[in-house]
Amino acid sequence: PVYEEGIVKVEDLKSAIKEETILITIMHANNEIGTIQPIAEIGKIAKENNIKFHSDAVQSVGKIPVDVNELNVDLLSISSHKIYGPKGVGALYIRKRTRLEPILYGGGQEKDLSPGTENVAGIVGLGEACRLAKEELDENIPYITNLRNKLIDGILNSVEKSYINGDIEKKASRKCKFQIHRN
């Protein structure tokens, strides 16, 4: 479970691991409230227990720094349209020596993991979107964080009994979506 701040507690995750556990998968940044999970710490636990670890980084790539080595992930998925790239294109990072079985069989594309013609234009668009997101990240983080904080302060100071869902400190900075409730 996640708690009031929307964060997975590492101790709960540790206690949920069973002998037959082969995969842990947790989203990096929540798509509704923007909270960032302790992925690096979870990845370390997965590694210590010889469990493969996947993180859905669709909401975090391009908004906060994402480094697969620092995060200790074996698999990491991203989506192009979340960083202003073409729709219908995504990527899956697969750490060396991480074995996957195909769901569909056929041609030899994608290292025999997925048959079909590759969308070269979409792939190039995703690559360019990633390049631009990385290039603009250092400039965008403080700018968007400042805008987010002004909006939050404005609402909290003018709307009675309003509160924020999630942890305000552990949010994806460019992920300005948050939920403010009025009692």
Protein backbone atom coordinates (compact mmCIF):
# COMPACT_ATOMS: atom_id res chain seq x y z
CA PRO A 1 0.00 0.00 0.00
CA VAL A 2 0.91 3.66 -0.21
CA TYR A 3 0.37 5.95 2.73
CA GLU A 4 -1.08 9.43 3.14
CA GLU A 5 1.77 11.03 1.21
CA GLY A 6 1.35 8.56 -1.65
CA ILE A 7 4.73 6.92 -0.97
CA VAL A 8 5.44 3.18 -0.76
CA LYS A 9 7.04 2.29 2.57
CA VAL A 10 10.18 0.25 1.99
CA GLU A 11 9.57 -1.86 5.09
CA ASP A 12 6.17 -2.93 3.71
CA LEU A 13 7.81 -3.88 0.44
CA LYS A 14 10.45 -5.95 2.23
CA SER A 15 7.80 -7.85 4.16
CA ALA A 16 5.79 -8.52 0.98
CA ILE A 17 8.71 -10.37 -0.67
CA LYS A 18 8.13 -14.10 -0.80
CA GLU A 19 10.38 -16.95 -1.95
CA GLU A 20 8.50 -17.08 -5.27
CA THR A 21 8.74 -13.32 -5.93
CA ILE A 22 10.49 -12.78 -9.28
CA LEU A 23 9.55 -9.18 -10.13
CA ILE A 24 8.91 -5.91 -8.35
CA THR A 25 7.36 -3.13 -10.42
CA ILE A 26 6.63 0.34 -9.07
CA MET A 27 5.96 3.63 -10.85
CA HIS A 28 8.70 6.21 -10.32
CA ALA A 29 6.42 9.27 -10.14
CA ASN A 30 2.69 9.00 -9.57
CA ASN A 31 0.59 10.19 -12.51
CA GLU A 32 -2.11 11.74 -10.30
CA ILE A 33 -0.28 13.49 -7.49
CA GLY A 34 3.33 13.48 -8.70
CA THR A 35 4.89 11.83 -5.64
CA ILE A 36 8.24 10.19 -6.27
CA GLN A 37 8.82 6.69 -4.94
CA PRO A 38 12.10 5.59 -3.28
CA ILE A 39 13.12 3.65 -6.40
CA ALA A 40 16.87 3.48 -5.72
CA GLU A 41 16.26 1.99 -2.29
CA ILE A 42 13.71 -0.48 -3.65
CA GLY A 43 16.10 -1.43 -6.44
CA LYS A 44 18.79 -2.19 -3.90
CA ILE A 45 16.41 -4.47 -2.00
CA ALA A 46 15.42 -6.22 -5.23
CA LYS A 47 19.06 -6.79 -6.11
CA GLU A 48 19.85 -8.14 -2.62
CA ASN A 49 16.98 -10.62 -3.03
CA ASN A 50 17.84 -11.56 -6.64
CA ILE A 51 14.50 -10.15 -7.87
CA LYS A 52 14.15 -8.28 -11.16
CA PHE A 53 13.00 -4.69 -10.73
CA HIS A 54 10.94 -2.63 -13.18
CA SER A 55 9.97 1.00 -12.82
CA ASP A 56 7.39 2.86 -14.88
CA ALA A 57 9.16 6.18 -15.44
CA VAL A 58 6.58 7.58 -17.86
CA GLN A 59 5.79 10.50 -15.54
CA SER A 60 9.35 11.19 -14.38
CA VAL A 61 11.55 11.14 -17.50
CA GLY A 62 12.02 14.71 -18.67
CA LYS A 63 10.80 16.13 -15.38
CA ILE A 64 13.46 14.96 -12.93
CA PRO A 65 16.87 13.31 -13.43
CA VAL A 66 16.51 9.60 -14.21
CA ASP A 67 19.60 7.38 -14.20
CA VAL A 68 19.04 3.63 -14.48
CA ASN A 69 22.26 2.88 -12.59
CA GLU A 70 21.47 5.20 -9.69
CA LEU A 71 17.92 3.83 -9.54
CA ASN A 72 19.11 0.18 -9.51
CA VAL A 73 16.49 -0.87 -12.07
CA ASP A 74 16.64 -3.85 -14.42
CA LEU A 75 13.80 -2.54 -16.58
CA LEU A 76 12.50 1.00 -17.07
CA SER A 77 9.65 2.09 -19.33
CA ILE A 78 9.02 5.53 -20.81
CA SER A 79 6.47 7.08 -23.17
CA SER A 80 7.29 9.59 -25.88
CA HIS A 81 4.19 11.76 -25.69
CA LYS A 82 4.85 12.61 -22.03
CA ILE A 83 7.95 14.54 -23.11
CA TYR A 84 6.34 16.14 -26.19
CA GLY A 85 7.49 13.39 -28.56
CA PRO A 86 5.28 11.51 -31.02
CA LYS A 87 2.29 9.58 -29.69
CA GLY A 88 2.29 5.81 -29.81
CA VAL A 89 6.01 5.42 -29.16
CA GLY A 90 7.70 4.22 -26.01
CA ALA A 91 10.89 2.59 -24.89
CA LEU A 92 11.85 -0.14 -22.49
CA TYR A 93 15.33 -0.06 -20.99
CA ILE A 94 16.56 -3.61 -20.38
CA ARG A 95 19.72 -4.09 -18.31
CA LYS A 96 22.22 -6.54 -19.79
CA ARG A 97 21.66 -10.11 -18.67
CA THR A 98 17.99 -9.43 -17.95
CA ARG A 99 16.11 -12.17 -19.76
CA LEU A 100 12.65 -11.56 -21.16
CA GLU A 101 10.33 -13.92 -22.99
CA PRO A 102 8.42 -12.60 -26.01
CA ILE A 103 4.66 -12.44 -25.85
CA LEU A 104 4.33 -12.60 -29.63
CA TYR A 105 6.58 -14.58 -31.94
CA GLY A 106 7.52 -13.78 -35.49
CA GLY A 107 10.19 -11.63 -37.08
CA GLY A 108 13.55 -10.91 -35.53
CA GLN A 109 12.83 -7.29 -34.67
CA GLU A 110 13.55 -5.88 -31.24
CA LYS A 111 16.06 -8.67 -30.51
CA ASP A 112 13.31 -11.27 -31.10
CA LEU A 113 11.08 -9.74 -28.40
CA SER A 114 8.45 -8.14 -30.63
CA PRO A 115 7.64 -8.91 -34.27
CA GLY A 116 6.60 -6.20 -36.69
CA THR A 117 7.98 -3.24 -38.54
CA GLU A 118 9.69 -0.72 -36.31
CA ASN A 119 8.37 2.84 -36.35
CA VAL A 120 11.65 4.50 -37.32
CA ALA A 121 10.20 8.03 -37.51
CA GLY A 122 8.61 7.61 -34.08
CA ILE A 123 11.83 6.21 -32.63
CA VAL A 124 13.82 9.16 -33.99
CA GLY A 125 11.17 11.53 -32.60
CA LEU A 126 11.43 9.91 -29.17
CA GLY A 127 15.21 10.21 -29.29
CA GLU A 128 14.99 13.91 -30.14
CA ALA A 129 12.38 14.50 -27.43
CA CYS A 130 14.71 12.80 -24.91
CA ARG A 131 17.64 14.93 -26.05
CA LEU A 132 15.63 18.15 -25.68
CA ALA A 133 14.17 17.10 -22.31
CA LYS A 134 17.67 16.39 -20.97
CA GLU A 135 19.05 19.63 -22.41
CA GLU A 136 16.27 21.72 -20.82
CA LEU A 137 15.98 19.81 -17.53
CA ASP A 138 18.25 21.99 -15.38
CA GLU A 139 16.49 25.14 -16.55
CA ASN A 140 12.96 23.75 -16.31
CA ILE A 141 13.09 22.21 -12.83
CA PRO A 142 13.46 25.47 -10.84
CA TYR A 143 11.13 27.38 -13.16
CA ILE A 144 8.28 24.85 -13.01
CA THR A 145 8.83 24.20 -9.29
CA ASN A 146 8.48 27.94 -8.63
CA LEU A 147 5.25 28.13 -10.66
CA ARG A 148 3.88 25.05 -8.90
CA ASN A 149 4.69 26.48 -5.47
CA LYS A 150 3.06 29.83 -6.28
CA LEU A 151 -0.10 28.07 -7.42
CA ILE A 152 -0.20 25.84 -4.34
CA ASP A 153 0.42 28.77 -1.98
CA GLY A 154 -2.26 30.83 -3.72
CA ILE A 155 -4.85 28.09 -3.37
CA LEU A 156 -3.95 27.10 0.18
CA ASN A 157 -3.99 30.75 1.31
CA SER A 158 -7.30 31.61 -0.35
CA VAL A 159 -9.41 28.45 -0.24
CA GLU A 160 -10.59 27.53 3.25
CA LYS A 161 -9.91 24.00 4.47
CA SER A 162 -7.93 23.03 1.37
CA TYR A 163 -5.10 20.52 1.54
CA ILE A 164 -2.74 18.73 -0.83
CA ASN A 165 -2.71 15.02 -1.58
CA GLY A 166 0.80 13.62 -1.57
CA ASP A 167 4.17 14.68 -0.30
CA ILE A 168 4.96 18.25 -1.35
CA GLU A 169 8.72 17.73 -1.15
CA LYS A 170 8.88 14.46 -3.10
CA LYS A 171 7.11 15.54 -6.29
CA ALA A 172 8.25 15.51 -9.88
CA SER A 173 8.92 19.22 -10.41
CA ARG A 174 7.52 19.51 -13.92
CA LYS A 175 4.60 17.38 -12.86
CA CYS A 176 2.43 20.29 -11.76
CA LYS A 177 -0.66 18.16 -11.46
CA PHE A 178 -1.68 17.83 -7.83
CA GLN A 179 -4.93 17.45 -6.01
CA ILE A 180 -6.19 20.10 -3.63
CA HIS A 181 -9.30 19.21 -1.68
CA ARG A 182 -11.79 21.43 0.01
CA ASN A 183 -13.54 20.08 3.10
